[in-house]
N, C-alpha and C. Protein backbone atom coordinates (compact mmCIF):
# COMPACT_ATOMS: atom_id res chain seq x y z
N MET A 1 143.17 101.78 278.96
CA MET A 1 144.24 101.01 278.36
C MET A 1 144.62 101.65 277.05
N ALA A 2 145.89 101.77 276.85
CA ALA A 2 146.40 102.30 275.59
C ALA A 2 147.35 101.26 275.00
N ILE A 3 147.25 101.09 273.70
CA ILE A 3 148.12 100.18 272.98
C ILE A 3 148.75 100.94 271.83
N GLY A 4 150.06 100.95 271.81
CA GLY A 4 150.78 101.55 270.70
C GLY A 4 151.68 100.50 270.09
N TYR A 5 151.93 100.60 268.81
CA TYR A 5 152.81 99.62 268.20
C TYR A 5 153.63 100.26 267.09
N GLU A 6 154.78 99.61 266.84
CA GLU A 6 155.72 100.10 265.85
C GLU A 6 156.39 98.90 265.19
N PHE A 7 156.51 98.94 263.87
CA PHE A 7 157.15 97.85 263.13
C PHE A 7 158.44 98.38 262.52
N ASP A 8 159.54 97.68 262.76
CA ASP A 8 160.82 98.09 262.21
C ASP A 8 161.69 96.87 261.96
N LYS A 9 162.06 96.65 260.71
CA LYS A 9 163.01 95.59 260.33
C LYS A 9 162.65 94.23 260.91
N GLY A 10 161.42 93.82 260.77
CA GLY A 10 161.00 92.50 261.21
C GLY A 10 160.58 92.40 262.66
N THR A 11 160.70 93.49 263.41
CA THR A 11 160.34 93.49 264.83
C THR A 11 159.09 94.35 265.03
N LEU A 12 158.07 93.76 265.62
CA LEU A 12 156.86 94.48 265.97
C LEU A 12 156.87 94.68 267.48
N THR A 13 156.99 95.94 267.89
CA THR A 13 156.98 96.28 269.32
C THR A 13 155.61 96.81 269.67
N ILE A 14 154.99 96.18 270.66
CA ILE A 14 153.66 96.58 271.13
C ILE A 14 153.83 97.10 272.55
N LYS A 15 153.45 98.36 272.77
CA LYS A 15 153.57 98.98 274.10
C LYS A 15 152.20 99.00 274.74
N LEU A 16 152.11 98.42 275.93
CA LEU A 16 150.85 98.30 276.67
C LEU A 16 150.86 99.22 277.88
N ALA A 17 149.74 99.88 278.11
CA ALA A 17 149.63 100.78 279.27
C ALA A 17 148.27 100.61 279.92
N GLY A 18 148.22 100.73 281.23
CA GLY A 18 146.95 100.59 281.96
C GLY A 18 146.63 99.14 282.24
N ARG A 19 145.37 98.77 282.02
CA ARG A 19 144.89 97.40 282.27
C ARG A 19 144.80 96.63 280.96
N LEU A 20 145.25 95.39 280.97
CA LEU A 20 145.03 94.51 279.82
C LEU A 20 143.98 93.51 280.25
N ASP A 21 142.77 93.69 279.73
CA ASP A 21 141.66 92.81 280.08
C ASP A 21 140.81 92.57 278.84
N PHE A 22 139.70 91.87 278.99
CA PHE A 22 138.89 91.48 277.84
C PHE A 22 138.42 92.67 277.02
N ALA A 23 138.20 93.80 277.65
CA ALA A 23 137.76 94.99 276.93
C ALA A 23 138.79 95.44 275.89
N MET A 24 140.04 95.02 276.05
CA MET A 24 141.10 95.42 275.14
C MET A 24 141.44 94.35 274.11
N HIS A 25 140.65 93.29 274.09
CA HIS A 25 140.93 92.17 273.18
C HIS A 25 141.07 92.62 271.73
N GLN A 26 140.12 93.38 271.22
CA GLN A 26 140.15 93.78 269.81
C GLN A 26 141.33 94.70 269.52
N SER A 27 141.60 95.64 270.40
CA SER A 27 142.74 96.56 270.20
C SER A 27 144.06 95.80 270.21
N PHE A 28 144.20 94.84 271.11
CA PHE A 28 145.42 94.05 271.18
C PHE A 28 145.57 93.20 269.92
N SER A 29 144.49 92.58 269.51
CA SER A 29 144.50 91.77 268.29
C SER A 29 144.86 92.61 267.07
N ASP A 30 144.27 93.80 266.98
CA ASP A 30 144.58 94.70 265.87
C ASP A 30 146.06 95.07 265.83
N ALA A 31 146.65 95.25 267.01
CA ALA A 31 148.07 95.65 267.09
C ALA A 31 148.97 94.55 266.51
N TYR A 32 148.77 93.29 266.91
CA TYR A 32 149.66 92.26 266.39
C TYR A 32 149.27 91.78 265.00
N SER A 33 148.05 92.08 264.58
CA SER A 33 147.63 91.73 263.22
C SER A 33 147.96 92.83 262.22
N SER A 34 148.58 93.90 262.67
CA SER A 34 148.90 95.03 261.79
C SER A 34 149.92 94.64 260.71
N GLN A 35 150.66 93.57 260.95
CA GLN A 35 151.63 93.06 259.98
C GLN A 35 151.35 91.59 259.72
N GLU A 36 151.61 91.15 258.52
CA GLU A 36 151.49 89.73 258.20
C GLU A 36 152.48 88.93 259.04
N PRO A 37 152.06 87.79 259.58
CA PRO A 37 152.96 87.01 260.44
C PRO A 37 154.30 86.68 259.77
N LYS A 38 154.31 86.44 258.47
CA LYS A 38 155.56 86.08 257.80
C LYS A 38 156.53 87.26 257.72
N GLN A 39 156.04 88.49 257.93
CA GLN A 39 156.91 89.67 257.91
C GLN A 39 157.56 89.93 259.27
N VAL A 40 157.03 89.31 260.31
CA VAL A 40 157.50 89.58 261.68
C VAL A 40 158.34 88.40 262.18
N SER A 41 159.57 88.69 262.55
CA SER A 41 160.42 87.65 263.12
C SER A 41 160.51 87.75 264.64
N HIS A 42 160.08 88.90 265.17
CA HIS A 42 160.17 89.10 266.62
C HIS A 42 159.05 90.04 267.07
N TYR A 43 158.28 89.58 268.04
CA TYR A 43 157.26 90.41 268.69
C TYR A 43 157.81 90.79 270.06
N ILE A 44 157.77 92.06 270.38
CA ILE A 44 158.19 92.53 271.70
C ILE A 44 156.98 93.20 272.35
N LEU A 45 156.61 92.71 273.52
CA LEU A 45 155.53 93.30 274.30
C LEU A 45 156.16 94.08 275.44
N ASP A 46 156.10 95.40 275.35
CA ASP A 46 156.66 96.27 276.39
C ASP A 46 155.57 96.57 277.41
N MET A 47 155.75 96.06 278.61
CA MET A 47 154.74 96.18 279.66
C MET A 47 155.14 97.18 280.74
N SER A 48 156.03 98.11 280.41
CA SER A 48 156.53 99.05 281.41
C SER A 48 155.42 99.93 281.99
N ALA A 49 154.37 100.20 281.23
CA ALA A 49 153.28 101.05 281.71
C ALA A 49 152.00 100.26 282.02
N LEU A 50 152.12 98.93 282.04
CA LEU A 50 150.96 98.07 282.33
C LEU A 50 150.77 97.99 283.84
N THR A 51 149.56 98.25 284.31
CA THR A 51 149.30 98.21 285.75
C THR A 51 148.78 96.85 286.20
N CYS A 52 148.00 96.18 285.36
CA CYS A 52 147.51 94.85 285.72
C CYS A 52 146.97 94.13 284.49
N LEU A 53 146.82 92.83 284.63
CA LEU A 53 146.21 92.02 283.59
C LEU A 53 145.37 90.96 284.26
N ASP A 54 144.34 90.49 283.53
CA ASP A 54 143.47 89.47 284.10
C ASP A 54 143.63 88.17 283.32
N SER A 55 142.83 87.18 283.65
CA SER A 55 142.95 85.88 282.99
C SER A 55 142.68 85.95 281.50
N SER A 56 141.81 86.85 281.07
CA SER A 56 141.56 86.97 279.63
C SER A 56 142.79 87.48 278.91
N ALA A 57 143.60 88.28 279.58
CA ALA A 57 144.84 88.77 278.99
C ALA A 57 145.80 87.61 278.73
N LEU A 58 145.82 86.64 279.63
CA LEU A 58 146.66 85.46 279.41
C LEU A 58 146.20 84.73 278.15
N GLY A 59 144.89 84.63 277.97
CA GLY A 59 144.34 84.02 276.76
C GLY A 59 144.72 84.80 275.52
N MET A 60 144.72 86.12 275.62
CA MET A 60 145.09 86.96 274.48
C MET A 60 146.55 86.75 274.11
N LEU A 61 147.41 86.54 275.10
CA LEU A 61 148.81 86.27 274.82
C LEU A 61 148.97 84.92 274.12
N LEU A 62 148.15 83.95 274.49
CA LEU A 62 148.19 82.65 273.81
C LEU A 62 147.72 82.78 272.36
N LEU A 63 146.73 83.64 272.12
CA LEU A 63 146.29 83.89 270.74
C LEU A 63 147.41 84.53 269.92
N LEU A 64 148.17 85.43 270.53
CA LEU A 64 149.32 86.01 269.85
C LEU A 64 150.32 84.92 269.50
N LYS A 65 150.56 84.01 270.44
CA LYS A 65 151.50 82.91 270.20
C LYS A 65 151.04 82.07 269.01
N ASP A 66 149.75 81.78 268.93
CA ASP A 66 149.22 81.03 267.79
C ASP A 66 149.39 81.82 266.49
N HIS A 67 149.12 83.11 266.54
CA HIS A 67 149.25 83.98 265.38
C HIS A 67 150.70 84.01 264.88
N ALA A 68 151.63 84.09 265.80
CA ALA A 68 153.05 84.18 265.45
C ALA A 68 153.59 82.86 264.94
N ALA A 69 152.91 81.78 265.27
CA ALA A 69 153.36 80.43 264.91
C ALA A 69 154.75 80.17 265.47
N LYS A 70 155.47 79.30 264.84
CA LYS A 70 156.79 78.94 265.36
C LYS A 70 157.89 79.77 264.74
N SER A 71 157.55 80.60 263.77
CA SER A 71 158.58 81.33 263.04
C SER A 71 159.05 82.61 263.73
N ALA A 72 158.33 83.07 264.74
CA ALA A 72 158.68 84.34 265.38
C ALA A 72 158.93 84.16 266.87
N LYS A 73 159.87 84.93 267.37
CA LYS A 73 160.16 84.97 268.79
C LYS A 73 159.21 85.99 269.44
N ILE A 74 158.77 85.70 270.66
CA ILE A 74 157.93 86.63 271.41
C ILE A 74 158.64 86.93 272.73
N SER A 75 158.92 88.21 272.95
CA SER A 75 159.56 88.65 274.19
C SER A 75 158.61 89.57 274.94
N ILE A 76 158.53 89.37 276.23
CA ILE A 76 157.76 90.24 277.11
C ILE A 76 158.78 90.95 277.98
N ILE A 77 158.77 92.29 277.92
CA ILE A 77 159.81 93.04 278.63
C ILE A 77 159.18 94.06 279.59
N ASN A 78 159.97 94.47 280.55
CA ASN A 78 159.63 95.55 281.49
C ASN A 78 158.37 95.28 282.31
N CYS A 79 158.24 94.08 282.82
CA CYS A 79 157.09 93.73 283.66
C CYS A 79 157.29 94.24 285.08
N SER A 80 156.18 94.61 285.70
CA SER A 80 156.22 94.92 287.13
C SER A 80 156.34 93.61 287.91
N LYS A 81 156.63 93.70 289.18
CA LYS A 81 156.71 92.50 290.01
C LYS A 81 155.38 91.76 290.03
N ASP A 82 154.26 92.50 290.11
CA ASP A 82 152.94 91.86 290.15
C ASP A 82 152.63 91.10 288.85
N VAL A 83 152.92 91.73 287.73
CA VAL A 83 152.67 91.08 286.43
C VAL A 83 153.60 89.88 286.27
N SER A 84 154.84 90.03 286.66
CA SER A 84 155.79 88.94 286.59
C SER A 84 155.33 87.74 287.42
N LYS A 85 154.79 88.02 288.59
CA LYS A 85 154.30 86.95 289.47
C LYS A 85 153.13 86.20 288.81
N ILE A 86 152.23 86.92 288.14
CA ILE A 86 151.12 86.28 287.43
C ILE A 86 151.67 85.35 286.35
N PHE A 87 152.67 85.81 285.60
CA PHE A 87 153.27 84.97 284.56
C PHE A 87 153.92 83.74 285.16
N GLU A 88 154.57 83.91 286.29
CA GLU A 88 155.22 82.78 286.96
C GLU A 88 154.20 81.75 287.43
N ILE A 89 153.12 82.20 288.05
CA ILE A 89 152.07 81.29 288.54
C ILE A 89 151.44 80.53 287.38
N ALA A 90 151.24 81.21 286.25
CA ALA A 90 150.60 80.60 285.07
C ALA A 90 151.61 79.83 284.21
N ASN A 91 152.87 79.76 284.63
CA ASN A 91 153.94 79.10 283.89
C ASN A 91 154.17 79.69 282.50
N PHE A 92 153.86 80.96 282.33
CA PHE A 92 154.07 81.61 281.05
C PHE A 92 155.56 81.84 280.78
N ASN A 93 156.38 81.76 281.82
CA ASN A 93 157.82 81.89 281.63
C ASN A 93 158.38 80.71 280.84
N GLN A 94 157.59 79.64 280.69
CA GLN A 94 158.00 78.52 279.86
C GLN A 94 157.52 78.67 278.42
N LEU A 95 156.58 79.58 278.19
CA LEU A 95 156.03 79.79 276.85
C LEU A 95 156.61 81.01 276.14
N PHE A 96 157.05 81.99 276.93
CA PHE A 96 157.52 83.26 276.39
C PHE A 96 158.87 83.62 277.01
N ASP A 97 159.65 84.42 276.29
CA ASP A 97 160.85 85.00 276.86
C ASP A 97 160.41 86.22 277.66
N ILE A 98 160.62 86.20 278.96
CA ILE A 98 160.23 87.30 279.83
C ILE A 98 161.52 87.92 280.36
N GLU A 99 161.73 89.19 280.02
CA GLU A 99 163.00 89.86 280.28
C GLU A 99 162.81 91.20 280.97
N ASN A 100 163.92 91.73 281.47
CA ASN A 100 164.00 93.11 281.98
C ASN A 100 162.90 93.47 282.96
N LEU A 101 162.75 92.72 283.98
CA LEU A 101 161.73 93.01 284.98
C LEU A 101 162.11 94.27 285.74
N VAL A 102 161.15 95.15 285.90
CA VAL A 102 161.39 96.39 286.64
C VAL A 102 160.90 96.24 288.07
N ASP A 103 161.44 97.03 288.97
CA ASP A 103 161.03 96.95 290.39
C ASP A 103 159.72 97.64 290.62
């Protein structure tokens, strides 16, 4: 799993690749904690290179939501069909903006 991130003008983009599972908890947390929550108005999670995620990854996304509080928007973009289906089953489409699904 590789996690890259970039902060620009209030937007923190986190790019995920490989598997997002419990082994990546600290790296994922470090990525979104790289900026103070009050400095970030929008978190973008780019999942174009993500191959799979497990139930702990769903928990990690909820921790990000708590970290961001109500002041920041969280968008999940470029999900595969499999990842999108997991989000749909878990009703995460009601908690996050999920956009730009790839085939």
